[in-house]
Amino acid sequence: MTAPKTPKTITLSEPIEYDGLEITQVRIKKPKVKDLKRMTAELDGIKDQLQQGIVMAAALTGLPAEAIEEMDTDDFTTISEVIADFFPQGRAPESGAPSSQKPPTG
């Protein structure tokens, strides 16, 4: 069993200014089901992956999308990676083929 994933705080490589405040750190919370429901509603009809990432980052940092858009691309990438890490990752076989069950023994 892996350790539970907890909220993460990252220091921005390039601080941003938003609404008269300088933002140097961003806390990314672990999503709850209610966050997923809200993000699903906000993502309805959005096909652009970049815009989807901005919506998800805004939802889990508490910052408005406009503040996320002011971020350096390296900082946005880091936030996106932290968000992705909160979700379980499926493991595909190296060959790309679907995994097969082992025959029963006995």
PDB file of N, CA and C in Angstrom:
ATOM      1  N   MET A   1       0.846  -1.180   0.000  1.00  0.00           N
ATOM      2  CA  MET A   1       0.000   0.000   0.000  1.00  0.00           C
ATOM      3  C   MET A   1       0.886   1.237   0.000  1.00  0.00           C
ATOM      4  N   THR A   2       0.557   2.210  -0.834  1.00  0.00           N
ATOM      5  CA  THR A   2       1.365   3.414  -0.899  1.00  0.00           C
ATOM      6  C   THR A   2       0.918   4.410   0.154  1.00  0.00           C
ATOM      7  N   ALA A   3       1.810   5.347   0.476  1.00  0.00           N
ATOM      8  CA  ALA A   3       1.490   6.373   1.457  1.00  0.00           C
ATOM      9  C   ALA A   3       0.390   7.287   0.903  1.00  0.00           C
ATOM     10  N   PRO A   4      -0.481   7.778   1.779  1.00  0.00           N
ATOM     11  CA  PRO A   4      -1.534   8.666   1.285  1.00  0.00           C
ATOM     12  C   PRO A   4      -0.915   9.926   0.684  1.00  0.00           C
ATOM     13  N   LYS A   5      -1.551  10.420  -0.355  1.00  0.00           N
ATOM     14  CA  LYS A   5      -1.057  11.627  -1.003  1.00  0.00           C
ATOM     15  C   LYS A   5      -1.656  12.826  -0.282  1.00  0.00           C
ATOM     16  N   THR A   6      -0.797  13.752   0.116  1.00  0.00           N
ATOM     17  CA  THR A   6      -1.234  14.911   0.876  1.00  0.00           C
ATOM     18  C   THR A   6      -1.102  16.177   0.042  1.00  0.00           C
ATOM     19  N   PRO A   7      -1.741  17.254   0.493  1.00  0.00           N
ATOM     20  CA  PRO A   7      -1.590  18.515  -0.226  1.00  0.00           C
ATOM     21  C   PRO A   7      -0.110  18.880  -0.340  1.00  0.00           C
ATOM     22  N   LYS A   8       0.218  19.593  -1.407  1.00  0.00           N
ATOM     23  CA  LYS A   8       1.606  19.990  -1.652  1.00  0.00           C
ATOM     24  C   LYS A   8       1.671  21.507  -1.779  1.00  0.00           C
ATOM     25  N   THR A   9       2.750  22.072  -1.290  1.00  0.00           N
ATOM     26  CA  THR A   9       3.004  23.497  -1.487  1.00  0.00           C
ATOM     27  C   THR A   9       4.259  23.616  -2.330  1.00  0.00           C
ATOM     28  N   ILE A  10       4.163  24.373  -3.395  1.00  0.00           N
ATOM     29  CA  ILE A  10       5.336  24.587  -4.236  1.00  0.00           C
ATOM     30  C   ILE A  10       5.686  26.076  -4.220  1.00  0.00           C
ATOM     31  N   THR A  11       6.969  26.338  -4.305  1.00  0.00           N
ATOM     32  CA  THR A  11       7.459  27.700  -4.439  1.00  0.00           C
ATOM     33  C   THR A  11       7.599  27.982  -5.922  1.00  0.00           C
ATOM     34  N   LEU A  12       6.984  29.059  -6.364  1.00  0.00           N
ATOM     35  CA  LEU A  12       7.042  29.411  -7.777  1.00  0.00           C
ATOM     36  C   LEU A  12       8.446  29.871  -8.149  1.00  0.00           C
ATOM     37  N   SER A  13       8.916  29.438  -9.298  1.00  0.00           N
ATOM     38  CA  SER A  13      10.234  29.872  -9.762  1.00  0.00           C
ATOM     39  C   SER A  13      10.188  31.341 -10.172  1.00  0.00           C
ATOM     40  N   GLU A  14       9.018  31.780 -10.599  1.00  0.00           N
ATOM     41  CA  GLU A  14       8.777  33.182 -10.971  1.00  0.00           C
ATOM     42  C   GLU A  14       7.507  33.633 -10.256  1.00  0.00           C
ATOM     43  N   PRO A  15       7.641  34.465  -9.219  1.00  0.00           N
ATOM     44  CA  PRO A  15       6.421  34.943  -8.541  1.00  0.00           C
ATOM     45  C   PRO A  15       5.495  35.645  -9.530  1.00  0.00           C
ATOM     46  N   ILE A  16       4.201  35.582  -9.227  1.00  0.00           N
ATOM     47  CA  ILE A  16       3.229  36.278 -10.065  1.00  0.00           C
ATOM     48  C   ILE A  16       2.571  37.370  -9.229  1.00  0.00           C
ATOM     49  N   GLU A  17       2.036  38.348  -9.916  1.00  0.00           N
ATOM     50  CA  GLU A  17       1.265  39.374  -9.250  1.00  0.00           C
ATOM     51  C   GLU A  17      -0.174  39.234  -9.696  1.00  0.00           C
ATOM     52  N   TYR A  18      -1.058  39.184  -8.717  1.00  0.00           N
ATOM     53  CA  TYR A  18      -2.466  39.092  -9.048  1.00  0.00           C
ATOM     54  C   TYR A  18      -3.261  39.862  -8.010  1.00  0.00           C
ATOM     55  N   ASP A  19      -4.146  40.705  -8.471  1.00  0.00           N
ATOM     56  CA  ASP A  19      -5.027  41.475  -7.610  1.00  0.00           C
ATOM     57  C   ASP A  19      -4.239  42.260  -6.558  1.00  0.00           C
ATOM     58  N   GLY A  20      -3.076  42.798  -6.981  1.00  0.00           N
ATOM     59  CA  GLY A  20      -2.252  43.603  -6.094  1.00  0.00           C
ATOM     60  C   GLY A  20      -1.392  42.821  -5.123  1.00  0.00           C
ATOM     61  N   LEU A  21      -1.410  41.506  -5.209  1.00  0.00           N
ATOM     62  CA  LEU A  21      -0.613  40.660  -4.314  1.00  0.00           C
ATOM     63  C   LEU A  21       0.481  39.945  -5.085  1.00  0.00           C
ATOM     64  N   GLU A  22       1.634  39.800  -4.454  1.00  0.00           N
ATOM     65  CA  GLU A  22       2.687  38.978  -5.048  1.00  0.00           C
ATOM     66  C   GLU A  22       2.526  37.560  -4.503  1.00  0.00           C
ATOM     67  N   ILE A  23       2.405  36.611  -5.402  1.00  0.00           N
ATOM     68  CA  ILE A  23       2.224  35.206  -5.008  1.00  0.00           C
ATOM     69  C   ILE A  23       3.524  34.474  -5.296  1.00  0.00           C
ATOM     70  N   THR A  24       4.115  33.908  -4.238  1.00  0.00           N
ATOM     71  CA  THR A  24       5.395  33.204  -4.381  1.00  0.00           C
ATOM     72  C   THR A  24       5.256  31.703  -4.149  1.00  0.00           C
ATOM     73  N   GLN A  25       4.175  31.298  -3.477  1.00  0.00           N
ATOM     74  CA  GLN A  25       3.932  29.883  -3.213  1.00  0.00           C
ATOM     75  C   GLN A  25       2.484  29.550  -3.529  1.00  0.00           C
ATOM     76  N   VAL A  26       2.278  28.298  -3.921  1.00  0.00           N
ATOM     77  CA  VAL A  26       0.936  27.821  -4.235  1.00  0.00           C
ATOM     78  C   VAL A  26       0.729  26.498  -3.515  1.00  0.00           C
ATOM     79  N   ARG A  27      -0.391  26.394  -2.825  1.00  0.00           N
ATOM     80  CA  ARG A  27      -0.756  25.137  -2.151  1.00  0.00           C
ATOM     81  C   ARG A  27      -1.754  24.417  -3.048  1.00  0.00           C
ATOM     82  N   ILE A  28      -1.466  23.167  -3.329  1.00  0.00           N
ATOM     83  CA  ILE A  28      -2.328  22.348  -4.181  1.00  0.00           C
ATOM     84  C   ILE A  28      -2.972  21.296  -3.291  1.00  0.00           C
ATOM     85  N   LYS A  29      -4.291  21.385  -3.168  1.00  0.00           N
ATOM     86  CA  LYS A  29      -4.960  20.437  -2.276  1.00  0.00           C
ATOM     87  C   LYS A  29      -5.276  19.136  -2.999  1.00  0.00           C
ATOM     88  N   LYS A  30      -5.341  18.081  -2.230  1.00  0.00           N
ATOM     89  CA  LYS A  30      -5.754  16.786  -2.763  1.00  0.00           C
ATOM     90  C   LYS A  30      -7.241  16.863  -3.082  1.00  0.00           C
ATOM     91  N   PRO A  31      -7.625  16.488  -4.301  1.00  0.00           N
ATOM     92  CA  PRO A  31      -9.039  16.630  -4.667  1.00  0.00           C
ATOM     93  C   PRO A  31      -9.945  15.674  -3.897  1.00  0.00           C
ATOM     94  N   LYS A  32     -11.117  16.189  -3.572  1.00  0.00           N
ATOM     95  CA  LYS A  32     -12.183  15.385  -2.995  1.00  0.00           C
ATOM     96  C   LYS A  32     -13.213  15.158  -4.091  1.00  0.00           C
ATOM     97  N   VAL A  33     -14.166  14.305  -3.833  1.00  0.00           N
ATOM     98  CA  VAL A  33     -15.199  14.017  -4.821  1.00  0.00           C
ATOM     99  C   VAL A  33     -15.933  15.294  -5.211  1.00  0.00           C
ATOM    100  N   LYS A  34     -16.208  16.165  -4.249  1.00  0.00           N
ATOM    101  CA  LYS A  34     -16.901  17.415  -4.574  1.00  0.00           C
ATOM    102  C   LYS A  34     -16.067  18.282  -5.512  1.00  0.00           C
ATOM    103  N   ASP A  35     -14.735  18.230  -5.377  1.00  0.00           N
ATOM    104  CA  ASP A  35     -13.872  18.963  -6.307  1.00  0.00           C
ATOM    105  C   ASP A  35     -13.976  18.375  -7.708  1.00  0.00           C
ATOM    106  N   LEU A  36     -14.005  17.050  -7.779  1.00  0.00           N
ATOM    107  CA  LEU A  36     -14.125  16.391  -9.079  1.00  0.00           C
ATOM    108  C   LEU A  36     -15.456  16.726  -9.745  1.00  0.00           C
ATOM    109  N   LYS A  37     -16.531  16.777  -8.958  1.00  0.00           N
ATOM    110  CA  LYS A  37     -17.834  17.140  -9.505  1.00  0.00           C
ATOM    111  C   LYS A  37     -17.809  18.564 -10.055  1.00  0.00           C
ATOM    112  N   ARG A  38     -17.224  19.482  -9.295  1.00  0.00           N
ATOM    113  CA  ARG A  38     -17.163  20.875  -9.727  1.00  0.00           C
ATOM    114  C   ARG A  38     -16.309  21.012 -10.983  1.00  0.00           C
ATOM    115  N   MET A  39     -15.162  20.318 -11.005  1.00  0.00           N
ATOM    116  CA  MET A  39     -14.285  20.382 -12.183  1.00  0.00           C
ATOM    117  C   MET A  39     -14.980  19.790 -13.406  1.00  0.00           C
ATOM    118  N   THR A  40     -15.713  18.695 -13.214  1.00  0.00           N
ATOM    119  CA  THR A  40     -16.426  18.072 -14.333  1.00  0.00           C
ATOM    120  C   THR A  40     -17.429  19.056 -14.921  1.00  0.00           C
ATOM    121  N   ALA A  41     -18.138  19.759 -14.051  1.00  0.00           N
ATOM    122  CA  ALA A  41     -19.119  20.746 -14.528  1.00  0.00           C
ATOM    123  C   ALA A  41     -18.422  21.891 -15.258  1.00  0.00           C
ATOM    124  N   GLU A  42     -17.296  22.359 -14.711  1.00  0.00           N
ATOM    125  CA  GLU A  42     -16.578  23.477 -15.328  1.00  0.00           C
ATOM    126  C   GLU A  42     -15.899  23.066 -16.637  1.00  0.00           C
ATOM    127  N   LEU A  43     -15.549  21.795 -16.760  1.00  0.00           N
ATOM    128  CA  LEU A  43     -14.856  21.314 -17.959  1.00  0.00           C
ATOM    129  C   LEU A  43     -15.819  20.931 -19.078  1.00  0.00           C
ATOM    130  N   ASP A  44     -17.114  20.922 -18.779  1.00  0.00           N
ATOM    131  CA  ASP A  44     -18.105  20.524 -19.779  1.00  0.00           C
ATOM    132  C   ASP A  44     -17.968  21.375 -21.040  1.00  0.00           C
ATOM    133  N   GLY A  45     -17.695  20.714 -22.139  1.00  0.00           N
ATOM    134  CA  GLY A  45     -17.577  21.399 -23.419  1.00  0.00           C
ATOM    135  C   GLY A  45     -16.196  21.933 -23.741  1.00  0.00           C
ATOM    136  N   ILE A  46     -15.272  21.872 -22.793  1.00  0.00           N
ATOM    137  CA  ILE A  46     -13.910  22.356 -23.047  1.00  0.00           C
ATOM    138  C   ILE A  46     -13.088  21.210 -23.611  1.00  0.00           C
ATOM    139  N   LYS A  47     -12.637  21.353 -24.841  1.00  0.00           N
ATOM    140  CA  LYS A  47     -11.848  20.302 -25.503  1.00  0.00           C
ATOM    141  C   LYS A  47     -10.345  20.580 -25.423  1.00  0.00           C
ATOM    142  N   ASP A  48      -9.973  21.850 -25.269  1.00  0.00           N
ATOM    143  CA  ASP A  48      -8.571  22.251 -25.248  1.00  0.00           C
ATOM    144  C   ASP A  48      -7.898  21.762 -23.959  1.00  0.00           C
ATOM    145  N   GLN A  49      -6.852  20.952 -24.100  1.00  0.00           N
ATOM    146  CA  GLN A  49      -6.202  20.367 -22.930  1.00  0.00           C
ATOM    147  C   GLN A  49      -5.544  21.415 -22.044  1.00  0.00           C
ATOM    148  N   LEU A  50      -4.995  22.461 -22.645  1.00  0.00           N
ATOM    149  CA  LEU A  50      -4.388  23.519 -21.847  1.00  0.00           C
ATOM    150  C   LEU A  50      -5.445  24.193 -20.980  1.00  0.00           C
ATOM    151  N   GLN A  51      -6.584  24.507 -21.567  1.00  0.00           N
ATOM    152  CA  GLN A  51      -7.664  25.139 -20.792  1.00  0.00           C
ATOM    153  C   GLN A  51      -8.168  24.200 -19.707  1.00  0.00           C
ATOM    154  N   GLN A  52      -8.223  22.904 -19.989  1.00  0.00           N
ATOM    155  CA  GLN A  52      -8.622  21.930 -18.972  1.00  0.00           C
ATOM    156  C   GLN A  52      -7.643  21.960 -17.800  1.00  0.00           C
ATOM    157  N   GLY A  53      -6.360  22.032 -18.105  1.00  0.00           N
ATOM    158  CA  GLY A  53      -5.333  22.092 -17.057  1.00  0.00           C
ATOM    159  C   GLY A  53      -5.456  23.346 -16.214  1.00  0.00           C
ATOM    160  N   ILE A  54      -5.771  24.464 -16.865  1.00  0.00           N
ATOM    161  CA  ILE A  54      -5.947  25.722 -16.139  1.00  0.00           C
ATOM    162  C   ILE A  54      -7.137  25.620 -15.189  1.00  0.00           C
ATOM    163  N   VAL A  55      -8.243  25.046 -15.659  1.00  0.00           N
ATOM    164  CA  VAL A  55      -9.436  24.880 -14.823  1.00  0.00           C
ATOM    165  C   VAL A  55      -9.117  23.995 -13.622  1.00  0.00           C
ATOM    166  N   MET A  56      -8.412  22.888 -13.857  1.00  0.00           N
ATOM    167  CA  MET A  56      -8.066  21.979 -12.757  1.00  0.00           C
ATOM    168  C   MET A  56      -7.120  22.652 -11.763  1.00  0.00           C
ATOM    169  N   ALA A  57      -6.121  23.371 -12.261  1.00  0.00           N
ATOM    170  CA  ALA A  57      -5.177  24.059 -11.381  1.00  0.00           C
ATOM    171  C   ALA A  57      -5.896  25.112 -10.548  1.00  0.00           C
ATOM    172  N   ALA A  58      -6.798  25.855 -11.161  1.00  0.00           N
ATOM    173  CA  ALA A  58      -7.553  26.872 -10.425  1.00  0.00           C
ATOM    174  C   ALA A  58      -8.405  26.220  -9.329  1.00  0.00           C
ATOM    175  N   ALA A  59      -9.061  25.130  -9.666  1.00  0.00           N
ATOM    176  CA  ALA A  59      -9.933  24.455  -8.699  1.00  0.00           C
ATOM    177  C   ALA A  59      -9.160  23.927  -7.501  1.00  0.00           C
ATOM    178  N   LEU A  60      -7.947  23.442  -7.723  1.00  0.00           N
ATOM    179  CA  LEU A  60      -7.211  22.795  -6.630  1.00  0.00           C
ATOM    180  C   LEU A  60      -6.221  23.716  -5.922  1.00  0.00           C
ATOM    181  N   THR A  61      -6.008  24.918  -6.453  1.00  0.00           N
ATOM    182  CA  THR A  61      -5.146  25.880  -5.764  1.00  0.00           C
ATOM    183  C   THR A  61      -5.948  26.995  -5.107  1.00  0.00           C
ATOM    184  N   GLY A  62      -7.196  27.163  -5.537  1.00  0.00           N
ATOM    185  CA  GLY A  62      -8.001  28.250  -5.012  1.00  0.00           C
ATOM    186  C   GLY A  62      -7.722  29.579  -5.697  1.00  0.00           C
ATOM    187  N   LEU A  63      -6.827  29.577  -6.672  1.00  0.00           N
ATOM    188  CA  LEU A  63      -6.531  30.787  -7.435  1.00  0.00           C
ATOM    189  C   LEU A  63      -7.486  30.880  -8.619  1.00  0.00           C
ATOM    190  N   PRO A  64      -7.806  32.075  -9.058  1.00  0.00           N
ATOM    191  CA  PRO A  64      -8.627  32.195 -10.260  1.00  0.00           C
ATOM    192  C   PRO A  64      -7.822  31.809 -11.498  1.00  0.00           C
ATOM    193  N   ALA A  65      -8.530  31.412 -12.540  1.00  0.00           N
ATOM    194  CA  ALA A  65      -7.870  31.011 -13.787  1.00  0.00           C
ATOM    195  C   ALA A  65      -6.957  32.116 -14.305  1.00  0.00           C
ATOM    196  N   GLU A  66      -7.348  33.367 -14.119  1.00  0.00           N
ATOM    197  CA  GLU A  66      -6.533  34.485 -14.593  1.00  0.00           C
ATOM    198  C   GLU A  66      -5.160  34.501 -13.922  1.00  0.00           C
ATOM    199  N   ALA A  67      -5.092  34.117 -12.648  1.00  0.00           N
ATOM    200  CA  ALA A  67      -3.802  34.057 -11.942  1.00  0.00           C
ATOM    201  C   ALA A  67      -2.965  32.895 -12.464  1.00  0.00           C
ATOM    202  N   ILE A  68      -3.604  31.762 -12.724  1.00  0.00           N
ATOM    203  CA  ILE A  68      -2.893  30.602 -13.269  1.00  0.00           C
ATOM    204  C   ILE A  68      -2.269  30.971 -14.615  1.00  0.00           C
ATOM    205  N   GLU A  69      -3.006  31.736 -15.420  1.00  0.00           N
ATOM    206  CA  GLU A  69      -2.527  32.120 -16.743  1.00  0.00           C
ATOM    207  C   GLU A  69      -1.312  33.047 -16.683  1.00  0.00           C
ATOM    208  N   GLU A  70      -1.076  33.692 -15.542  1.00  0.00           N
ATOM    209  CA  GLU A  70       0.087  34.572 -15.382  1.00  0.00           C
ATOM    210  C   GLU A  70       1.353  33.797 -15.011  1.00  0.00           C
ATOM    211  N   MET A  71       1.221  32.510 -14.714  1.00  0.00           N
ATOM    212  CA  MET A  71       2.364  31.717 -14.253  1.00  0.00           C
ATOM    213  C   MET A  71       3.354  31.414 -15.361  1.00  0.00           C
ATOM    214  N   ASP A  72       4.596  31.255 -14.939  1.00  0.00           N
ATOM    215  CA  ASP A  72       5.637  30.743 -15.811  1.00  0.00           C
ATOM    216  C   ASP A  72       5.256  29.320 -16.216  1.00  0.00           C
ATOM    217  N   THR A  73       5.592  28.931 -17.426  1.00  0.00           N
ATOM    218  CA  THR A  73       5.199  27.598 -17.900  1.00  0.00           C
ATOM    219  C   THR A  73       5.818  26.484 -17.060  1.00  0.00           C
ATOM    220  N   ASP A  74       7.021  26.695 -16.533  1.00  0.00           N
ATOM    221  CA  ASP A  74       7.637  25.671 -15.677  1.00  0.00           C
ATOM    222  C   ASP A  74       6.821  25.472 -14.402  1.00  0.00           C
ATOM    223  N   ASP A  75       6.336  26.564 -13.825  1.00  0.00           N
ATOM    224  CA  ASP A  75       5.525  26.458 -12.611  1.00  0.00           C
ATOM    225  C   ASP A  75       4.185  25.787 -12.905  1.00  0.00           C
ATOM    226  N   PHE A  76       3.573  26.133 -14.034  1.00  0.00           N
ATOM    227  CA  PHE A  76       2.309  25.500 -14.418  1.00  0.00           C
ATOM    228  C   PHE A  76       2.515  24.003 -14.640  1.00  0.00           C
ATOM    229  N   THR A  77       3.634  23.637 -15.260  1.00  0.00           N
ATOM    230  CA  THR A  77       3.936  22.220 -15.480  1.00  0.00           C
ATOM    231  C   THR A  77       4.097  21.491 -14.152  1.00  0.00           C
ATOM    232  N   THR A  78       4.795  22.113 -13.199  1.00  0.00           N
ATOM    233  CA  THR A  78       4.974  21.497 -11.881  1.00  0.00           C
ATOM    234  C   THR A  78       3.628  21.285 -11.195  1.00  0.00           C
ATOM    235  N   ILE A  79       2.769  22.286 -11.243  1.00  0.00           N
ATOM    236  CA  ILE A  79       1.440  22.162 -10.641  1.00  0.00           C
ATOM    237  C   ILE A  79       0.655  21.040 -11.319  1.00  0.00           C
ATOM    238  N   SER A  80       0.726  20.972 -12.636  1.00  0.00           N
ATOM    239  CA  SER A  80       0.020  19.923 -13.382  1.00  0.00           C
ATOM    240  C   SER A  80       0.520  18.540 -12.996  1.00  0.00           C
ATOM    241  N   GLU A  81       1.824  18.403 -12.783  1.00  0.00           N
ATOM    242  CA  GLU A  81       2.395  17.109 -12.390  1.00  0.00           C
ATOM    243  C   GLU A  81       1.947  16.718 -10.986  1.00  0.00           C
ATOM    244  N   VAL A  82       1.887  17.685 -10.073  1.00  0.00           N
ATOM    245  CA  VAL A  82       1.411  17.397  -8.714  1.00  0.00           C
ATOM    246  C   VAL A  82      -0.046  16.934  -8.767  1.00  0.00           C
ATOM    247  N   ILE A  83      -0.866  17.624  -9.557  1.00  0.00           N
ATOM    248  CA  ILE A  83      -2.277  17.237  -9.688  1.00  0.00           C
ATOM    249  C   ILE A  83      -2.385  15.825 -10.258  1.00  0.00           C
ATOM    250  N   ALA A  84      -1.624  15.529 -11.291  1.00  0.00           N
ATOM    251  CA  ALA A  84      -1.661  14.198 -11.899  1.00  0.00           C
ATOM    252  C   ALA A  84      -1.259  13.123 -10.890  1.00  0.00           C
ATOM    253  N   ASP A  85      -0.342  13.466  -9.982  1.00  0.00           N
ATOM    254  CA  ASP A  85       0.128  12.495  -8.993  1.00  0.00           C
ATOM    255  C   ASP A  85      -0.947  12.141  -7.971  1.00  0.00           C
ATOM    256  N   PHE A  86      -1.963  12.985  -7.822  1.00  0.00           N
ATOM    257  CA  PHE A  86      -3.049  12.687  -6.889  1.00  0.00           C
ATOM    258  C   PHE A  86      -3.951  11.566  -7.397  1.00  0.00           C
ATOM    259  N   PHE A  87      -3.906  11.285  -8.676  1.00  0.00           N
ATOM    260  CA  PHE A  87      -4.785  10.292  -9.270  1.00  0.00           C
ATOM    261  C   PHE A  87      -4.038   8.977  -9.480  1.00  0.00           C
ATOM    262  N   PRO A  88      -4.722   7.837  -9.292  1.00  0.00           N
ATOM    263  CA  PRO A  88      -4.059   6.542  -9.477  1.00  0.00           C
ATOM    264  C   PRO A  88      -3.584   6.375 -10.917  1.00  0.00           C
ATOM    265  N   GLN A  89      -2.452   5.777 -11.045  1.00  0.00           N
ATOM    266  CA  GLN A  89      -1.875   5.552 -12.369  1.00  0.00           C
ATOM    267  C   GLN A  89      -2.001   4.076 -12.710  1.00  0.00           C
ATOM    268  N   GLY A  90      -2.612   3.782 -13.836  1.00  0.00           N
ATOM    269  CA  GLY A  90      -2.682   2.407 -14.307  1.00  0.00           C
ATOM    270  C   GLY A  90      -1.341   2.000 -14.891  1.00  0.00           C
ATOM    271  N   ARG A  91      -1.002   0.767 -14.797  1.00  0.00           N
ATOM    272  CA  ARG A  91       0.270   0.297 -15.334  1.00  0.00           C
ATOM    273  C   ARG A  91      -0.004  -0.651 -16.487  1.00  0.00           C
ATOM    274  N   ALA A  92       0.439  -0.269 -17.644  1.00  0.00           N
ATOM    275  CA  ALA A  92       0.285  -1.118 -18.833  1.00  0.00           C
ATOM    276  C   ALA A  92       1.531  -1.965 -18.992  1.00  0.00           C
ATOM    277  N   PRO A  93       1.397  -3.138 -19.545  1.00  0.00           N
ATOM    278  CA  PRO A  93       2.575  -3.952 -19.810  1.00  0.00           C
ATOM    279  C   PRO A  93       3.494  -3.221 -20.791  1.00  0.00           C
ATOM    280  N   GLU A  94       4.796  -3.480 -20.674  1.00  0.00           N
ATOM    281  CA  GLU A  94       5.764  -2.795 -21.521  1.00  0.00           C
ATOM    282  C   GLU A  94       5.522  -3.041 -23.003  1.00  0.00           C
ATOM    283  N   SER A  95       4.982  -4.170 -23.356  1.00  0.00           N
ATOM    284  CA  SER A  95       4.752  -4.487 -24.763  1.00  0.00           C
ATOM    285  C   SER A  95       3.577  -3.710 -25.345  1.00  0.00           C
ATOM    286  N   GLY A  96       2.777  -3.110 -24.468  1.00  0.00           N
ATOM    287  CA  GLY A  96       1.591  -2.402 -24.923  1.00  0.00           C
ATOM    288  C   GLY A  96       0.392  -3.316 -25.079  1.00  0.00           C
ATOM    289  N   ALA A  97       0.609  -4.608 -24.935  1.00  0.00           N
ATOM    290  CA  ALA A  97      -0.488  -5.567 -25.060  1.00  0.00           C
ATOM    291  C   ALA A  97      -1.277  -5.596 -23.755  1.00  0.00           C
ATOM    292  N   PRO A  98      -2.557  -5.910 -23.822  1.00  0.00           N
ATOM    293  CA  PRO A  98      -3.310  -6.008 -22.582  1.00  0.00           C
ATOM    294  C   PRO A  98      -2.753  -7.123 -21.711  1.00  0.00           C
ATOM    295  N   SER A  99      -2.847  -6.907 -20.411  1.00  0.00           N
ATOM    296  CA  SER A  99      -2.338  -7.945 -19.527  1.00  0.00           C
ATOM    297  C   SER A  99      -3.250  -9.150 -19.573  1.00  0.00           C
ATOM    298  N   SER A 100      -2.673 -10.309 -19.416  1.00  0.00           N
ATOM    299  CA  SER A 100      -3.473 -11.543 -19.431  1.00  0.00           C
ATOM    300  C   SER A 100      -3.430 -12.167 -18.050  1.00  0.00           C
ATOM    301  N   GLN A 101      -4.497 -12.853 -17.729  1.00  0.00           N
ATOM    302  CA  GLN A 101      -4.544 -13.531 -16.448  1.00  0.00           C
ATOM    303  C   GLN A 101      -3.740 -14.818 -16.537  1.00  0.00           C
ATOM    304  N   LYS A 102      -3.158 -15.153 -15.385  1.00  0.00           N
ATOM    305  CA  LYS A 102      -2.418 -16.418 -15.322  1.00  0.00           C
ATOM    306  C   LYS A 102      -3.432 -17.549 -15.195  1.00  0.00           C
ATOM    307  N   PRO A 103      -3.144 -18.668 -15.832  1.00  0.00           N
ATOM    308  CA  PRO A 103      -4.071 -19.805 -15.703  1.00  0.00           C
ATOM    309  C   PRO A 103      -4.096 -20.302 -14.252  1.00  0.00           C
ATOM    310  N   PRO A 104      -5.240 -20.805 -13.820  1.00  0.00           N
ATOM    311  CA  PRO A 104      -5.302 -21.312 -12.441  1.00  0.00           C
ATOM    312  C   PRO A 104      -4.393 -22.525 -12.286  1.00  0.00           C
ATOM    313  N   THR A 105      -3.854 -22.653 -11.079  1.00  0.00           N
ATOM    314  CA  THR A 105      -2.999 -23.797 -10.773  1.00  0.00           C
ATOM    315  C   THR A 105      -3.763 -24.746  -9.876  1.00  0.00           C
ATOM    316  N   GLY A 106      -3.383 -25.997  -9.921  1.00  0.00           N
ATOM    317  CA  GLY A 106      -3.974 -26.920  -8.979  1.00  0.00           C
ATOM    318  C   GLY A 106      -4.669 -28.060  -9.531  1.00  0.00           C
TER     319      GLY A 106
END
